[in-house]
Protein backbone atom coordinates (compact mmCIF):
# COMPACT_ATOMS: atom_id res chain seq x y z
CA UNK A 1 -0.15 -0.04 -0.06
CA UNK A 2 1.25 3.49 -1.04
CA UNK A 3 1.33 5.89 1.87
CA UNK A 4 0.82 9.47 0.79
CA UNK A 5 2.43 12.35 2.59
CA UNK A 6 1.36 15.83 2.27
CA UNK A 7 4.40 17.54 4.02
CA UNK A 8 3.43 21.29 3.13
CA UNK A 9 -0.12 20.70 4.42
CA UNK A 10 1.38 18.85 7.59
CA UNK A 11 3.82 21.83 8.23
CA UNK A 12 1.07 24.49 7.67
CA UNK A 13 -1.28 22.74 10.34
CA UNK A 14 1.69 22.40 12.86
CA UNK A 15 2.69 26.10 12.29
CA UNK A 16 -0.99 27.32 12.76
CA UNK A 17 -1.32 25.28 15.87
CA UNK A 18 1.90 26.16 17.33
CA UNK A 19 1.85 30.03 16.55
CA UNK A 20 -1.90 30.72 17.32
CA UNK A 21 -2.79 28.07 19.82
CA UNK A 22 0.34 27.20 21.89
CA UNK A 23 2.53 30.30 21.70
CA UNK A 24 5.19 28.32 20.32
CA UNK A 25 4.90 25.35 22.81
CA UNK A 26 4.03 22.73 20.27
CA UNK A 27 7.34 23.06 18.25
CA UNK A 28 9.29 23.11 21.71
CA UNK A 29 7.47 19.85 22.51
CA UNK A 30 8.36 18.37 19.07
CA UNK A 31 11.90 19.33 19.60
CA UNK A 32 11.94 17.62 22.94
CA UNK A 33 10.59 14.42 21.38
CA UNK A 34 13.27 14.50 18.63
CA UNK A 35 15.95 15.01 21.13
CA UNK A 36 14.66 12.17 23.41
CA UNK A 37 14.54 9.97 20.27
CA UNK A 38 18.18 10.84 19.28
CA UNK A 39 19.40 10.01 22.92
CA UNK A 40 17.64 6.57 22.82
CA UNK A 41 18.96 5.82 19.29
CA UNK A 42 22.39 6.71 20.65
CA UNK A 43 21.99 4.31 23.51
CA UNK A 44 21.25 1.52 20.87
CA UNK A 45 17.35 1.46 21.14
CA UNK A 46 15.34 1.29 17.91
CA UNK A 47 12.74 4.02 17.71
CA UNK A 48 10.27 3.47 14.81
CA UNK A 49 8.73 7.13 15.05
CA UNK A 50 9.79 9.46 12.45
CA UNK A 51 9.88 13.26 12.90
CA UNK A 52 6.57 13.45 11.09
CA UNK A 53 5.01 10.90 13.57
CA UNK A 54 6.51 12.79 16.67
CA UNK A 55 5.14 16.10 15.28
CA UNK A 56 1.90 14.29 14.55
CA UNK A 57 1.58 12.87 18.07
CA UNK A 58 2.24 16.18 19.82
CA UNK A 59 -0.30 17.78 17.49
CA UNK A 60 -2.93 16.04 19.41
CA UNK A 61 -1.62 16.83 23.00
CA UNK A 62 -3.27 19.53 25.35
CA UNK A 63 -2.92 23.05 23.76
CA UNK A 64 -3.45 24.83 27.13
CA UNK A 65 -0.67 22.79 28.70
CA UNK A 66 1.75 23.58 25.95
CA UNK A 67 0.85 27.22 25.96
CA UNK A 68 2.10 27.27 29.52
CA UNK A 69 5.59 26.62 28.20
CA UNK A 70 5.68 30.32 27.08
CA UNK A 71 6.30 31.29 30.66
CA UNK A 72 7.52 27.92 32.15
CA UNK A 73 9.73 25.52 30.05
CA UNK A 74 9.06 22.66 32.40
CA UNK A 75 5.39 22.76 31.28
CA UNK A 76 6.49 21.43 27.94
CA UNK A 77 8.32 18.62 29.45
CA UNK A 78 5.36 17.72 31.85
CA UNK A 79 2.80 17.90 28.96
CA UNK A 80 4.97 15.68 26.72
CA UNK A 81 5.42 13.22 29.48
CA UNK A 82 1.75 13.30 30.28
CA UNK A 83 0.47 12.82 26.81
CA UNK A 84 2.87 9.92 26.01
CA UNK A 85 1.71 8.16 29.17
CA UNK A 86 -1.85 8.84 28.14
CA UNK A 87 -1.46 7.40 24.81
CA UNK A 88 0.35 4.29 26.27
CA UNK A 89 -2.55 3.75 28.71
CA UNK A 90 -5.41 4.51 26.28
CA UNK A 91 -4.72 2.46 23.11
CA UNK A 92 -8.29 3.04 21.55
CA UNK A 93 -7.67 6.75 21.60
CA UNK A 94 -3.95 6.34 20.45
CA UNK A 95 -4.93 4.05 17.52
CA UNK A 96 -7.65 6.42 16.25
CA UNK A 97 -5.20 9.43 15.84
CA UNK A 98 -4.45 10.80 12.34
CA UNK A 99 -1.65 12.76 11.13
CA UNK A 100 -2.53 16.49 10.87
CA UNK A 101 -2.93 16.27 7.10
CA UNK A 102 -5.24 13.30 7.53
CA UNK A 103 -3.12 11.10 5.09
CA UNK A 104 -2.84 8.08 7.61
CA UNK A 105 -3.15 6.94 11.10
CA UNK A 106 -0.03 7.74 13.23
CA UNK A 107 0.21 4.42 14.82
CA UNK A 108 -0.07 2.21 11.77
CA UNK A 109 2.21 -0.69 12.95
CA UNK A 110 3.04 -2.24 16.16
CA UNK A 111 6.75 -1.13 16.04
CA UNK A 112 5.36 2.41 16.49
CA UNK A 113 3.45 1.24 19.67
CA UNK A 114 6.60 -0.31 21.07
CA UNK A 115 8.51 2.91 20.29
CA UNK A 116 5.92 4.98 22.13
CA UNK A 117 6.33 2.80 25.09
CA UNK A 118 10.14 3.15 25.11
CA UNK A 119 9.86 6.93 24.63
CA UNK A 120 7.26 7.19 27.45
CA UNK A 121 9.62 5.40 29.95
CA UNK A 122 12.40 7.80 28.89
CA UNK A 123 10.07 10.80 29.38
CA UNK A 124 9.06 9.14 32.98
CA UNK A 125 12.81 9.03 33.84
CA UNK A 126 13.36 12.59 32.86
CA UNK A 127 10.59 13.88 34.90
CA UNK A 128 11.58 11.86 37.76
CA UNK A 129 15.24 13.32 37.61
CA UNK A 130 13.76 16.92 37.26
CA UNK A 131 11.62 16.39 40.30
CA UNK A 132 14.65 15.16 42.21
CA UNK A 133 16.70 18.21 40.98
CA UNK A 134 14.00 20.53 42.13
CA UNK A 135 13.69 18.92 45.48
CA UNK A 136 10.43 17.12 45.02
CA UNK A 137 11.09 13.83 46.46
CA UNK A 138 7.63 12.29 46.80
CA UNK A 139 5.05 11.64 43.87
CA UNK A 140 2.17 13.52 45.64
CA UNK A 141 4.14 16.88 45.45
CA UNK A 142 3.61 17.17 41.87
CA UNK A 143 -0.15 16.58 42.17
CA UNK A 144 -0.70 20.05 43.78
CA UNK A 145 -0.97 21.51 40.19
CA UNK A 146 -2.14 18.88 37.87
CA UNK A 147 -2.07 19.36 34.17
CA UNK A 148 -5.23 19.10 32.38
CA UNK A 149 -6.52 17.02 29.40
């Protein structure tokens, strides 16, 4: 089966959502995902999510939470981790997501689901390390200001 990509349409939708709805937060989250992926690949892990896939995933994340990244960079990390975790725990929602240009489903093969899990664990570890660096040693301390879906 031939998969059609419409890169300019995809980029247009990402740009509009980023600029007008997240004040730049969407592209920051996409960049974070690409960096996490690069680190994992460097560690020898196989990640079968392209840059197109990672941008498509974050396109569906919580826009209000990404917008908070304008004044607090950690909000980008927290929303990215939260959304990857949400997708891991909600396969019906995850498997229904399409790319912004509606050319295909994002999770169109099992290797992408496995890659999502690997990246979700890496994001969990990053958030844990950040919490420890900031002096939050108990999981309940982060629940005082939960992010929303």
